[in-house]
Protein backbone atom coordinates (compact mmCIF):
# COMPACT_ATOMS: atom_id res chain seq x y z
CA UNK A 1 -35.53 43.45 17.74
CA UNK A 2 -37.12 46.32 19.65
CA UNK A 3 -37.52 49.18 17.18
CA UNK A 4 -40.77 49.10 15.21
CA UNK A 5 -41.23 51.47 12.29
CA UNK A 6 -43.96 52.01 9.69
CA UNK A 7 -43.68 50.53 6.20
CA UNK A 8 -43.35 54.04 4.73
CA UNK A 9 -41.26 56.17 7.08
CA UNK A 10 -40.95 59.95 7.11
CA UNK A 11 -37.56 61.72 7.36
CA UNK A 12 -38.22 62.99 10.90
CA UNK A 13 -39.16 59.48 12.04
CA UNK A 14 -35.96 58.10 10.56
CA UNK A 15 -33.82 60.86 12.07
CA UNK A 16 -35.18 59.95 15.50
CA UNK A 17 -33.79 56.39 15.28
CA UNK A 18 -30.48 57.01 13.49
CA UNK A 19 -28.51 55.96 16.57
CA UNK A 20 -30.49 52.80 17.31
CA UNK A 21 -28.27 49.73 17.04
CA UNK A 22 -31.11 47.61 15.72
CA UNK A 23 -31.86 49.96 12.80
CA UNK A 24 -29.91 49.78 9.55
CA UNK A 25 -30.24 52.27 6.70
CA UNK A 26 -29.31 51.24 3.18
CA UNK A 27 -29.23 53.20 -0.07
CA UNK A 28 -29.92 51.59 -3.42
CA UNK A 29 -27.45 53.59 -5.49
CA UNK A 30 -24.32 53.41 -7.56
CA UNK A 31 -21.08 53.92 -5.65
CA UNK A 32 -20.23 57.42 -6.97
CA UNK A 33 -23.48 59.19 -5.98
CA UNK A 34 -23.48 57.35 -2.65
CA UNK A 35 -20.03 58.76 -1.94
CA UNK A 36 -21.20 62.22 -2.94
CA UNK A 37 -24.21 62.41 -0.61
CA UNK A 38 -25.83 59.93 1.76
CA UNK A 39 -27.77 59.71 4.98
CA UNK A 40 -25.27 59.34 7.86
CA UNK A 41 -24.02 55.76 8.29
CA UNK A 42 -26.13 54.47 5.42
CA UNK A 43 -25.03 51.20 3.91
CA UNK A 44 -24.92 50.77 0.15
CA UNK A 45 -26.18 48.24 -2.38
CA UNK A 46 -26.56 48.41 -6.15
CA UNK A 47 -29.61 47.22 -8.04
CA UNK A 48 -27.65 44.54 -9.86
CA UNK A 49 -26.69 43.02 -6.51
CA UNK A 50 -30.23 41.83 -5.78
CA UNK A 51 -31.91 41.70 -9.22
CA UNK A 52 -31.00 39.05 -11.79
CA UNK A 53 -31.45 38.77 -15.54
CA UNK A 54 -31.67 36.02 -18.11
CA UNK A 55 -31.72 37.89 -21.45
CA UNK A 56 -34.05 38.96 -22.85
CA UNK A 57 -35.78 38.79 -19.46
CA UNK A 58 -34.66 41.06 -16.65
CA UNK A 59 -35.97 41.99 -13.22
CA UNK A 60 -35.73 38.43 -11.94
CA UNK A 61 -34.99 37.17 -8.44
CA UNK A 62 -31.49 35.76 -7.87
CA UNK A 63 -30.93 32.30 -6.49
CA UNK A 64 -31.11 31.72 -2.77
CA UNK A 65 -27.38 31.51 -2.06
CA UNK A 66 -26.49 34.41 -4.35
CA UNK A 67 -29.09 36.70 -2.81
CA UNK A 68 -28.19 35.79 0.78
CA UNK A 69 -24.53 36.40 -0.01
CA UNK A 70 -25.15 39.84 -1.56
CA UNK A 71 -27.40 41.00 1.29
CA UNK A 72 -24.83 39.91 3.86
CA UNK A 73 -21.97 41.48 1.87
CA UNK A 74 -23.85 44.79 1.97
CA UNK A 75 -23.75 44.56 5.75
CA UNK A 76 -27.42 43.75 6.31
CA UNK A 77 -28.44 41.76 9.37
CA UNK A 78 -31.60 39.75 9.67
CA UNK A 79 -31.95 40.85 13.31
CA UNK A 80 -32.23 44.55 12.32
CA UNK A 81 -35.04 46.78 11.15
CA UNK A 82 -33.90 47.82 7.66
CA UNK A 83 -34.81 51.21 6.17
CA UNK A 84 -34.30 51.53 2.42
CA UNK A 85 -34.06 54.64 0.26
CA UNK A 86 -32.95 55.54 -3.24
CA UNK A 87 -32.01 58.72 -5.04
CA UNK A 88 -35.00 59.28 -7.28
CA UNK A 89 -38.44 57.74 -7.86
CA UNK A 90 -38.49 55.22 -5.04
CA UNK A 91 -38.95 52.23 -7.34
CA UNK A 92 -35.47 50.80 -6.79
CA UNK A 93 -35.85 51.11 -3.04
CA UNK A 94 -39.27 49.49 -3.30
CA UNK A 95 -37.81 46.56 -5.21
CA UNK A 96 -35.36 45.92 -2.36
CA UNK A 97 -38.12 46.29 0.26
CA UNK A 98 -40.29 43.83 -1.68
CA UNK A 99 -37.35 41.43 -2.00
CA UNK A 100 -36.71 41.54 1.74
CA UNK A 101 -40.38 40.83 2.41
CA UNK A 102 -40.26 37.99 -0.13
CA UNK A 103 -37.39 36.35 1.77
CA UNK A 104 -39.19 36.58 5.10
CA UNK A 105 -37.78 39.80 6.55
CA UNK A 106 -40.81 41.79 7.70
CA UNK A 107 -38.89 44.41 9.70
CA UNK A 108 -38.37 46.75 6.76
CA UNK A 109 -39.36 50.29 5.78
CA UNK A 110 -39.05 52.61 2.81
CA UNK A 111 -38.11 56.26 3.25
CA UNK A 112 -41.04 58.15 1.73
CA UNK A 113 -39.65 60.43 -0.99
CA UNK A 114 -36.13 59.04 -0.74
CA UNK A 115 -33.03 61.19 -0.42
CA UNK A 116 -34.84 64.21 -1.89
CA UNK A 117 -37.33 64.16 0.99
CA UNK A 118 -34.49 63.89 3.51
CA UNK A 119 -32.89 66.96 1.95
CA UNK A 120 -36.14 68.89 1.64
CA UNK A 121 -36.84 68.39 5.35
CA UNK A 122 -33.45 69.81 6.27
CA UNK A 123 -31.65 66.78 7.67
CA UNK A 124 -27.89 66.32 7.52
CA UNK A 125 -25.95 64.38 4.92
CA UNK A 126 -22.47 62.95 4.91
CA UNK A 127 -20.14 62.54 1.96
CA UNK A 128 -16.76 61.16 1.01
CA UNK A 129 -15.32 57.69 0.54
CA UNK A 130 -17.07 54.89 2.37
CA UNK A 131 -15.42 51.72 3.63
CA UNK A 132 -16.80 48.25 2.91
CA UNK A 133 -19.14 47.29 5.73
CA UNK A 134 -18.64 44.53 8.23
CA UNK A 135 -20.34 41.55 6.55
CA UNK A 136 -23.76 40.87 7.98
CA UNK A 137 -25.72 37.71 8.54
CA UNK A 138 -28.79 37.15 6.40
CA UNK A 139 -30.95 34.08 5.98
CA UNK A 140 -33.26 33.75 2.97
CA UNK A 141 -36.58 32.02 3.61
CA UNK A 142 -38.76 32.41 0.53
CA UNK A 143 -42.37 33.46 1.08
CA UNK A 144 -43.80 31.90 -2.06
CA UNK A 145 -47.28 33.22 -1.39
CA UNK A 146 -45.85 36.68 -2.00
CA UNK A 147 -44.53 35.81 -5.48
CA UNK A 148 -46.23 35.02 -8.80
CA UNK A 149 -44.79 33.70 -12.05
CA UNK A 150 -46.24 33.44 -15.56
CA UNK A 151 -47.61 29.94 -14.91
CA UNK A 152 -49.48 31.08 -11.78
CA UNK A 153 -50.95 34.07 -13.56
CA UNK A 154 -51.91 32.09 -16.66
CA UNK A 155 -53.65 29.50 -14.47
CA UNK A 156 -55.73 32.22 -12.75
CA UNK A 157 -56.75 34.38 -15.72
CA UNK A 158 -60.38 33.27 -15.41
CA UNK A 159 -60.43 33.30 -11.61
CA UNK A 160 -62.88 35.91 -10.33
CA UNK A 161 -61.07 35.92 -6.99
CA UNK A 162 -57.88 37.22 -8.63
CA UNK A 163 -57.21 40.73 -9.94
CA UNK A 164 -54.13 41.54 -12.01
CA UNK A 165 -52.84 45.11 -11.91
CA UNK A 166 -50.72 46.54 -14.71
CA UNK A 167 -49.08 49.65 -13.24
CA UNK A 168 -47.23 50.76 -16.39
CA UNK A 169 -48.08 53.74 -18.55
CA UNK A 170 -51.17 53.77 -20.73
CA UNK A 171 -48.96 53.49 -23.82
CA UNK A 172 -47.24 50.35 -22.50
CA UNK A 173 -50.57 48.85 -21.48
CA UNK A 174 -52.15 49.42 -24.89
CA UNK A 175 -49.15 48.09 -26.81
CA UNK A 176 -48.13 51.41 -28.37
CA UNK A 177 -44.93 51.54 -26.28
CA UNK A 178 -43.32 48.13 -26.87
CA UNK A 179 -40.43 47.21 -24.56
CA UNK A 180 -40.36 43.44 -25.11
CA UNK A 181 -40.78 41.19 -28.14
CA UNK A 182 -44.53 41.78 -27.90
CA UNK A 183 -46.52 44.72 -26.59
CA UNK A 184 -49.83 44.84 -24.80
CA UNK A 185 -51.02 43.54 -21.44
CA UNK A 186 -52.08 40.43 -19.59
CA UNK A 187 -55.70 39.69 -20.61
CA UNK A 188 -58.13 41.09 -18.07
CA UNK A 189 -55.49 43.16 -16.28
CA UNK A 190 -56.65 46.42 -14.70
CA UNK A 191 -54.64 49.40 -15.86
CA UNK A 192 -53.47 51.48 -12.90
CA UNK A 193 -50.55 53.85 -13.54
CA UNK A 194 -48.39 53.71 -10.42
CA UNK A 195 -47.81 57.48 -10.59
CA UNK A 196 -51.38 57.97 -9.39
CA UNK A 197 -50.03 57.05 -5.95
CA UNK A 198 -47.64 59.99 -5.77
CA UNK A 199 -47.82 63.66 -4.93
CA UNK A 200 -45.96 66.14 -7.14
CA UNK A 201 -43.01 66.09 -4.73
CA UNK A 202 -42.55 62.33 -5.15
CA UNK A 203 -44.00 61.42 -1.77
CA UNK A 204 -46.94 59.15 -1.17
CA UNK A 205 -50.42 60.68 -1.29
CA UNK A 206 -52.48 60.78 1.94
CA UNK A 207 -54.22 57.52 2.79
CA UNK A 208 -57.72 58.81 2.04
CA UNK A 209 -56.67 59.87 -1.47
CA UNK A 210 -55.00 56.52 -2.06
CA UNK A 211 -58.14 54.64 -1.11
CA UNK A 212 -60.23 56.87 -3.36
CA UNK A 213 -58.05 56.38 -6.42
CA UNK A 214 -57.98 52.60 -5.91
CA UNK A 215 -61.77 52.53 -5.59
CA UNK A 216 -62.11 54.57 -8.78
CA UNK A 217 -60.24 51.81 -10.61
CA UNK A 218 -62.26 49.00 -9.06
CA UNK A 219 -59.33 47.65 -7.05
CA UNK A 220 -60.53 45.76 -3.98
CA UNK A 221 -58.77 44.20 -0.99
CA UNK A 222 -60.74 40.94 -0.83
CA UNK A 223 -59.13 39.35 -3.90
CA UNK A 224 -55.69 37.92 -4.60
CA UNK A 225 -53.87 40.80 -6.28
CA UNK A 226 -50.96 40.33 -8.67
CA UNK A 227 -48.97 43.38 -9.76
CA UNK A 228 -46.56 43.80 -12.64
CA UNK A 229 -44.80 46.46 -14.70
CA UNK A 230 -41.82 45.93 -17.02
CA UNK A 231 -39.29 44.54 -14.52
CA UNK A 232 -41.18 44.68 -11.19
CA UNK A 233 -39.79 48.01 -9.98
CA UNK A 234 -42.85 50.25 -10.33
CA UNK A 235 -45.08 47.36 -9.34
CA UNK A 236 -42.99 46.74 -6.22
CA UNK A 237 -43.80 50.29 -5.14
CA UNK A 238 -47.51 49.84 -5.85
CA UNK A 239 -47.55 46.53 -4.00
CA UNK A 240 -46.05 48.17 -0.89
CA UNK A 241 -48.78 50.80 -0.99
CA UNK A 242 -51.45 48.09 -1.11
CA UNK A 243 -49.77 46.39 1.83
CA UNK A 244 -49.77 49.71 3.69
CA UNK A 245 -53.52 49.98 3.07
CA UNK A 246 -54.23 46.54 4.48
CA UNK A 247 -54.20 44.35 1.37
CA UNK A 248 -53.04 40.96 2.66
CA UNK A 249 -53.22 38.85 -0.52
CA UNK A 250 -50.64 40.47 -2.80
CA UNK A 251 -48.11 38.91 -5.16
CA UNK A 252 -45.33 40.51 -7.15
CA UNK A 253 -44.30 39.18 -10.56
CA UNK A 254 -40.48 39.16 -10.94
CA UNK A 255 -39.56 39.52 -14.58
CA UNK A 256 -43.01 41.02 -15.17
CA UNK A 257 -43.67 42.15 -18.77
CA UNK A 258 -40.02 41.50 -19.56
CA UNK A 259 -40.92 37.86 -18.99
CA UNK A 260 -44.54 37.75 -20.21
CA UNK A 261 -43.96 39.85 -23.32
CA UNK A 262 -40.83 37.97 -24.38
CA UNK A 263 -42.46 34.55 -24.22
CA UNK A 264 -44.34 32.97 -27.14
CA UNK A 265 -46.70 30.90 -24.96
CA UNK A 266 -48.48 33.67 -23.06
CA UNK A 267 -51.75 35.30 -24.14
CA UNK A 268 -51.69 39.05 -24.79
CA UNK A 269 -54.39 41.70 -25.13
CA UNK A 270 -53.97 45.12 -26.73
């Protein structure tokens, strides 16, 4: 694998490698909008293909065989650098990027600003029906140090070397906006709305601004950092930003508040 790309890639950087055989582009989108407008030669995967649910909990990781099968069916190869985009906020793309990192595929990028940024910067699109891809080859090797569950978090609530970030809205954090059986937040969690990472155009803020806003919230790089939202979409995005800034001890919480808030054995603060 020769091509090396940044974790967050700009449209011009992506355009420069469109013809590289070792670069794959994939859209997280439903079939109809993908047929209507897509980056040339982009593959296609839907959110439900790589996110599982066990009602009332959603936002979970699939099993090993199911996930490997879906990634290969989408045409992804584990010998390629994979660039992911979505059609709106970037959180669905971020969830796929995080999932690929969690299964040991480090050669992955997210298109900063998604399809809107590609359009805004004047790059070409293609449209029309798209054929099923040639099945790829993808091996899943779980990186468990990149993943947290409710037991891990509960066991570390009093650990001063662990910081838990709740990246939902203030209303969700306080328990006013209840989206599970119980509202509130993990005790001791730092509230950090993920939208503080974004410019008005949906792209990532400059690095200096990102570091400033993290410092303002007391978020430091020398602790184990666990991130959650409702279903680990928004928190996937925030986790990637921390990784971009050099945080090396990050964990995502699949299921997130959909798991924690629907259990009856987890402590909750409001």
